C-alpha atoms as a PDB file:
ATOM      1  CA  MET A   1       0.126   0.057  -0.046  1.00  0.00           C
ATOM      2  CA  PRO A   2       1.674   3.567  -1.021  1.00  0.00           C
ATOM      3  CA  LYS A   3       2.275   5.804   1.996  1.00  0.00           C
ATOM      4  CA  ARG A   4       0.320   8.685   2.107  1.00  0.00           C
ATOM      5  CA  ARG A   5       1.957  12.305   2.196  1.00  0.00           C
ATOM      6  CA  ARG A   6       1.809  13.934   5.509  1.00  0.00           C
ATOM      7  CA  GLN A   7       0.250  17.228   5.277  1.00  0.00           C
ATOM      8  CA  GLU A   8       2.520  19.720   6.446  1.00  0.00           C
ATOM      9  CA  PRO A   9       1.918  21.954   8.973  1.00  0.00           C
ATOM     10  CA  VAL A  10       0.402  25.693   8.203  1.00  0.00           C
ATOM     11  CA  ALA A  11       2.608  28.650   9.066  1.00  0.00           C
ATOM     12  CA  ALA A  12       1.574  30.239  12.169  1.00  0.00           C
ATOM     13  CA  ALA A  13       0.612  33.417  10.241  1.00  0.00           C
ATOM     14  CA  GLU A  14      -2.340  31.591   8.589  1.00  0.00           C
ATOM     15  CA  THR A  15      -5.414  31.293  10.361  1.00  0.00           C
ATOM     16  CA  LEU A  16      -6.857  27.790  10.867  1.00  0.00           C
ATOM     17  CA  THR A  17     -10.384  26.830  11.449  1.00  0.00           C
ATOM     18  CA  THR A  18     -11.064  24.181  14.385  1.00  0.00           C
ATOM     19  CA  ASN A  19     -11.949  21.399  11.836  1.00  0.00           C
ATOM     20  CA  GLN A  20      -8.380  21.791  10.051  1.00  0.00           C
ATOM     21  CA  VAL A  21      -6.984  21.382  13.481  1.00  0.00           C
ATOM     22  CA  ILE A  22      -8.939  18.475  14.564  1.00  0.00           C
ATOM     23  CA  ALA A  23      -8.310  16.750  10.832  1.00  0.00           C
ATOM     24  CA  TYR A  24      -4.620  17.306  11.062  1.00  0.00           C
ATOM     25  CA  ASN A  25      -4.746  15.909  14.808  1.00  0.00           C
ATOM     26  CA  PHE A  26      -7.015  12.961  13.392  1.00  0.00           C
ATOM     27  CA  GLY A  27      -4.812  11.951  10.692  1.00  0.00           C
ATOM     28  CA  ARG A  28      -1.629  12.297  12.704  1.00  0.00           C
ATOM     29  CA  ALA A  29      -3.166  10.547  15.523  1.00  0.00           C
ATOM     30  CA  ARG A  30      -4.241   7.534  13.532  1.00  0.00           C
ATOM     31  CA  GLU A  31      -1.185   7.372  11.463  1.00  0.00           C
ATOM     32  CA  GLU A  32       0.750   7.281  14.928  1.00  0.00           C
ATOM     33  CA  CYS A  33      -1.312   4.478  16.099  1.00  0.00           C
ATOM     34  CA  GLY A  34      -0.501   2.563  12.629  1.00  0.00           C
ATOM     35  CA  TRP A  35      -4.228   2.131  11.881  1.00  0.00           C
ATOM     36  CA  THR A  36      -5.677   1.933   8.458  1.00  0.00           C
ATOM     37  CA  GLN A  37      -9.121   4.599   7.961  1.00  0.00           C
ATOM     38  CA  VAL A  38     -10.796   1.194   7.949  1.00  0.00           C
ATOM     39  CA  GLU A  39      -9.092   0.396  11.497  1.00  0.00           C
ATOM     40  CA  ALA A  40      -9.638   3.968  12.626  1.00  0.00           C
ATOM     41  CA  SER A  41     -13.485   3.791  11.952  1.00  0.00           C
ATOM     42  CA  ASP A  42     -13.450   0.208  13.701  1.00  0.00           C
ATOM     43  CA  ALA A  43     -12.128   1.327  16.577  1.00  0.00           C
ATOM     44  CA  LEU A  44     -14.132   4.426  16.615  1.00  0.00           C
ATOM     45  CA  GLU A  45     -17.481   2.224  16.195  1.00  0.00           C
ATOM     46  CA  TYR A  46     -17.918   1.790  20.274  1.00  0.00           C
ATOM     47  CA  TYR A  47     -17.737   5.443  21.053  1.00  0.00           C
ATOM     48  CA  LEU A  48     -20.014   6.770  17.938  1.00  0.00           C
ATOM     49  CA  GLY A  49     -22.552   3.964  17.754  1.00  0.00           C
ATOM     50  CA  TYR A  50     -22.248   3.291  14.311  1.00  0.00           C
ATOM     51  CA  THR A  51     -19.372   2.554  11.578  1.00  0.00           C
ATOM     52  CA  LEU A  52     -17.886   5.082   9.374  1.00  0.00           C
ATOM     53  CA  LYS A  53     -16.890   4.014   5.818  1.00  0.00           C
ATOM     54  CA  GLN A  54     -13.161   4.484   4.825  1.00  0.00           C
ATOM     55  CA  ALA A  55     -15.039   7.662   2.950  1.00  0.00           C
ATOM     56  CA  GLY A  56     -16.044   9.177   6.143  1.00  0.00           C
ATOM     57  CA  ILE A  57     -12.603   8.729   8.074  1.00  0.00           C
ATOM     58  CA  SER A  58     -11.353  10.343   4.781  1.00  0.00           C
ATOM     59  CA  SER A  59     -13.428  13.328   4.864  1.00  0.00           C
ATOM     60  CA  ILE A  60     -12.710  14.094   8.598  1.00  0.00           C
ATOM     61  CA  GLU A  61      -8.786  13.938   7.662  1.00  0.00           C
ATOM     62  CA  ARG A  62      -9.260  16.054   4.769  1.00  0.00           C
ATOM     63  CA  SER A  63     -11.736  18.455   6.760  1.00  0.00           C
ATOM     64  CA  SER A  64     -13.852  18.889   3.681  1.00  0.00           C
ATOM     65  CA  CYS A  65     -16.905  17.112   5.023  1.00  0.00           C
ATOM     66  CA  ALA A  66     -19.712  19.301   6.422  1.00  0.00           C
ATOM     67  CA  GLN A  67     -20.729  16.594   9.134  1.00  0.00           C
ATOM     68  CA  ALA A  68     -16.826  16.359  10.187  1.00  0.00           C
ATOM     69  CA  THR A  69     -17.326  18.965  13.095  1.00  0.00           C
ATOM     70  CA  ILE A  70     -16.261  18.896  16.857  1.00  0.00           C
ATOM     71  CA  ALA A  71     -19.990  17.694  17.223  1.00  0.00           C
ATOM     72  CA  SER A  72     -19.515  14.214  14.601  1.00  0.00           C
ATOM     73  CA  ILE A  73     -16.134  13.736  16.792  1.00  0.00           C
END
């Protein structure tokens, strides 16, 4: 499996949204655990009460999904 390119931290002068910070930290934590997106979904199922698809995890990490908010995490 090709290794995902790590996103570079954004310069401090730029304004980050809360979702961007969560997305970065979520992806970094998942990678540090050595989990795939599917494995992260399986680990979150207990807390969420449902299974996220791989695309859902990807959306959280990209911070592009309207549902990927603090409330959904």
